[in-house]
Amino acid sequence: MTEPKRVLCIVSVMDAGGAETFLMKIYRKLDRSRYQMDFCVNVPEKGLYDDEIRAMGGRLYVVPCKSEDMAGFGRAAISMCCASRRTR
């Protein structure tokens, strides 16, 4: 069986906002044997949907805002890219 294709969604935090709730509605109905959703957030605090995302096999990547921490943004972005390559 082939690995599911991974889709990266970029949001500030996975709380109950409009876009985040819409993404979760899609994620819940998605055929996770074919597609898996991961989320890139820039708020380190736990979001409302974080546990549900992990339970469904999704990953959460915390990448600081580049306007607040350019070096941290670069390190986190590189780390996220390397992690996605290891799972191929």
C-alpha atoms as a PDB file:
ATOM      1  CA  MET A   1       0.000   0.000   0.000  1.00  0.00           C
ATOM      2  CA  THR A   2       1.319   3.461  -0.832  1.00  0.00           C
ATOM      3  CA  GLU A   3       1.727   6.204   1.738  1.00  0.00           C
ATOM      4  CA  PRO A   4      -0.981   8.880   1.716  1.00  0.00           C
ATOM      5  CA  LYS A   5      -0.192  12.212   0.085  1.00  0.00           C
ATOM      6  CA  ARG A   6       0.330  14.900   2.714  1.00  0.00           C
ATOM      7  CA  VAL A   7      -1.290  18.316   2.491  1.00  0.00           C
ATOM      8  CA  LEU A   8       0.203  21.173   4.523  1.00  0.00           C
ATOM      9  CA  CYS A   9      -2.244  23.802   5.803  1.00  0.00           C
ATOM     10  CA  ILE A  10      -0.747  27.040   7.115  1.00  0.00           C
ATOM     11  CA  VAL A  11      -2.696  28.898   9.829  1.00  0.00           C
ATOM     12  CA  SER A  12      -1.857  30.895  12.963  1.00  0.00           C
ATOM     13  CA  VAL A  13      -3.325  28.433  15.469  1.00  0.00           C
ATOM     14  CA  MET A  14      -5.811  25.546  15.213  1.00  0.00           C
ATOM     15  CA  ASP A  15      -8.543  27.125  17.330  1.00  0.00           C
ATOM     16  CA  ALA A  16     -12.251  27.447  16.556  1.00  0.00           C
ATOM     17  CA  GLY A  17     -11.921  30.217  13.962  1.00  0.00           C
ATOM     18  CA  GLY A  18     -13.769  30.110  10.647  1.00  0.00           C
ATOM     19  CA  ALA A  19     -10.919  28.875   8.446  1.00  0.00           C
ATOM     20  CA  GLU A  20      -9.698  26.383  11.040  1.00  0.00           C
ATOM     21  CA  THR A  21     -13.181  24.927  11.577  1.00  0.00           C
ATOM     22  CA  PHE A  22     -13.650  24.649   7.793  1.00  0.00           C
ATOM     23  CA  LEU A  23     -10.321  22.793   7.472  1.00  0.00           C
ATOM     24  CA  MET A  24     -11.319  20.387  10.255  1.00  0.00           C
ATOM     25  CA  LYS A  25     -14.665  19.641   8.578  1.00  0.00           C
ATOM     26  CA  ILE A  26     -12.751  18.702   5.425  1.00  0.00           C
ATOM     27  CA  TYR A  27     -10.175  16.689   7.405  1.00  0.00           C
ATOM     28  CA  ARG A  28     -12.846  14.639   9.178  1.00  0.00           C
ATOM     29  CA  LYS A  29     -14.406  13.579   5.852  1.00  0.00           C
ATOM     30  CA  LEU A  30     -11.116  13.019   4.014  1.00  0.00           C
ATOM     31  CA  ASP A  31     -10.065   9.527   2.953  1.00  0.00           C
ATOM     32  CA  ARG A  32      -6.999   9.408   5.202  1.00  0.00           C
ATOM     33  CA  SER A  33      -5.702   6.287   3.483  1.00  0.00           C
ATOM     34  CA  ARG A  34      -5.139   8.501   0.406  1.00  0.00           C
ATOM     35  CA  TYR A  35      -4.555  11.960   1.927  1.00  0.00           C
ATOM     36  CA  GLN A  36      -3.292  13.208   5.254  1.00  0.00           C
ATOM     37  CA  MET A  37      -3.389  16.811   6.483  1.00  0.00           C
ATOM     38  CA  ASP A  38      -0.605  18.478   8.428  1.00  0.00           C
ATOM     39  CA  PHE A  39      -0.760  21.945   9.937  1.00  0.00           C
ATOM     40  CA  CYS A  40       1.866  24.662  10.214  1.00  0.00           C
ATOM     41  CA  VAL A  41       1.044  27.097  13.036  1.00  0.00           C
ATOM     42  CA  ASN A  42       2.964  30.042  14.458  1.00  0.00           C
ATOM     43  CA  VAL A  43       1.498  30.064  17.960  1.00  0.00           C
ATOM     44  CA  PRO A  44       3.222  27.591  20.317  1.00  0.00           C
ATOM     45  CA  GLU A  45       0.230  27.298  22.687  1.00  0.00           C
ATOM     46  CA  LYS A  46      -2.043  24.303  22.250  1.00  0.00           C
ATOM     47  CA  GLY A  47      -4.971  24.881  19.915  1.00  0.00           C
ATOM     48  CA  LEU A  48      -8.507  23.536  20.277  1.00  0.00           C
ATOM     49  CA  TYR A  49      -8.070  20.977  17.461  1.00  0.00           C
ATOM     50  CA  ASP A  50      -4.488  19.836  18.182  1.00  0.00           C
ATOM     51  CA  ASP A  51      -5.415  16.569  19.940  1.00  0.00           C
ATOM     52  CA  GLU A  52      -7.937  15.643  17.258  1.00  0.00           C
ATOM     53  CA  ILE A  53      -5.407  16.346  14.498  1.00  0.00           C
ATOM     54  CA  ARG A  54      -2.812  14.091  16.109  1.00  0.00           C
ATOM     55  CA  ALA A  55      -5.398  11.363  16.776  1.00  0.00           C
ATOM     56  CA  MET A  56      -6.240  11.324  13.058  1.00  0.00           C
ATOM     57  CA  GLY A  57      -2.560  11.027  12.094  1.00  0.00           C
ATOM     58  CA  GLY A  58      -1.890  14.666  11.282  1.00  0.00           C
ATOM     59  CA  ARG A  59       1.227  16.540  12.300  1.00  0.00           C
ATOM     60  CA  LEU A  60       1.541  20.000  13.811  1.00  0.00           C
ATOM     61  CA  TYR A  61       4.595  22.095  13.018  1.00  0.00           C
ATOM     62  CA  VAL A  62       5.214  25.245  15.059  1.00  0.00           C
ATOM     63  CA  VAL A  63       7.050  27.858  13.007  1.00  0.00           C
ATOM     64  CA  PRO A  64       7.487  31.278  14.650  1.00  0.00           C
ATOM     65  CA  CYS A  65       6.459  34.391  12.734  1.00  0.00           C
ATOM     66  CA  LYS A  66       9.404  35.513  10.650  1.00  0.00           C
ATOM     67  CA  SER A  67       8.721  39.130  11.657  1.00  0.00           C
ATOM     68  CA  GLU A  68       9.252  38.168  15.320  1.00  0.00           C
ATOM     69  CA  ASP A  69      12.113  35.650  15.048  1.00  0.00           C
ATOM     70  CA  MET A  70      13.722  35.345  11.618  1.00  0.00           C
ATOM     71  CA  ALA A  71      16.382  32.855  12.767  1.00  0.00           C
ATOM     72  CA  GLY A  72      13.797  30.695  14.568  1.00  0.00           C
ATOM     73  CA  PHE A  73      11.539  30.855  11.513  1.00  0.00           C
ATOM     74  CA  GLY A  74      14.385  29.603   9.301  1.00  0.00           C
ATOM     75  CA  ARG A  75      15.349  26.771  11.664  1.00  0.00           C
ATOM     76  CA  ALA A  76      11.738  25.618  12.091  1.00  0.00           C
ATOM     77  CA  ALA A  77      11.021  25.769   8.357  1.00  0.00           C
ATOM     78  CA  ILE A  78      14.117  23.691   7.554  1.00  0.00           C
ATOM     79  CA  SER A  79      13.245  21.203  10.299  1.00  0.00           C
ATOM     80  CA  MET A  80       9.688  20.881   8.952  1.00  0.00           C
ATOM     81  CA  CYS A  81      10.972  20.230   5.429  1.00  0.00           C
ATOM     82  CA  CYS A  82      13.451  17.616   6.663  1.00  0.00           C
ATOM     83  CA  ALA A  83      10.743  15.849   8.688  1.00  0.00           C
ATOM     84  CA  SER A  84       8.481  15.607   5.656  1.00  0.00           C
ATOM     85  CA  ARG A  85      11.303  14.103   3.567  1.00  0.00           C
ATOM     86  CA  ARG A  86      12.020  11.415   6.211  1.00  0.00           C
ATOM     87  CA  THR A  87       8.455  10.126   5.950  1.00  0.00           C
ATOM     88  CA  ARG A  88       8.505   9.543   2.169  1.00  0.00           C
END
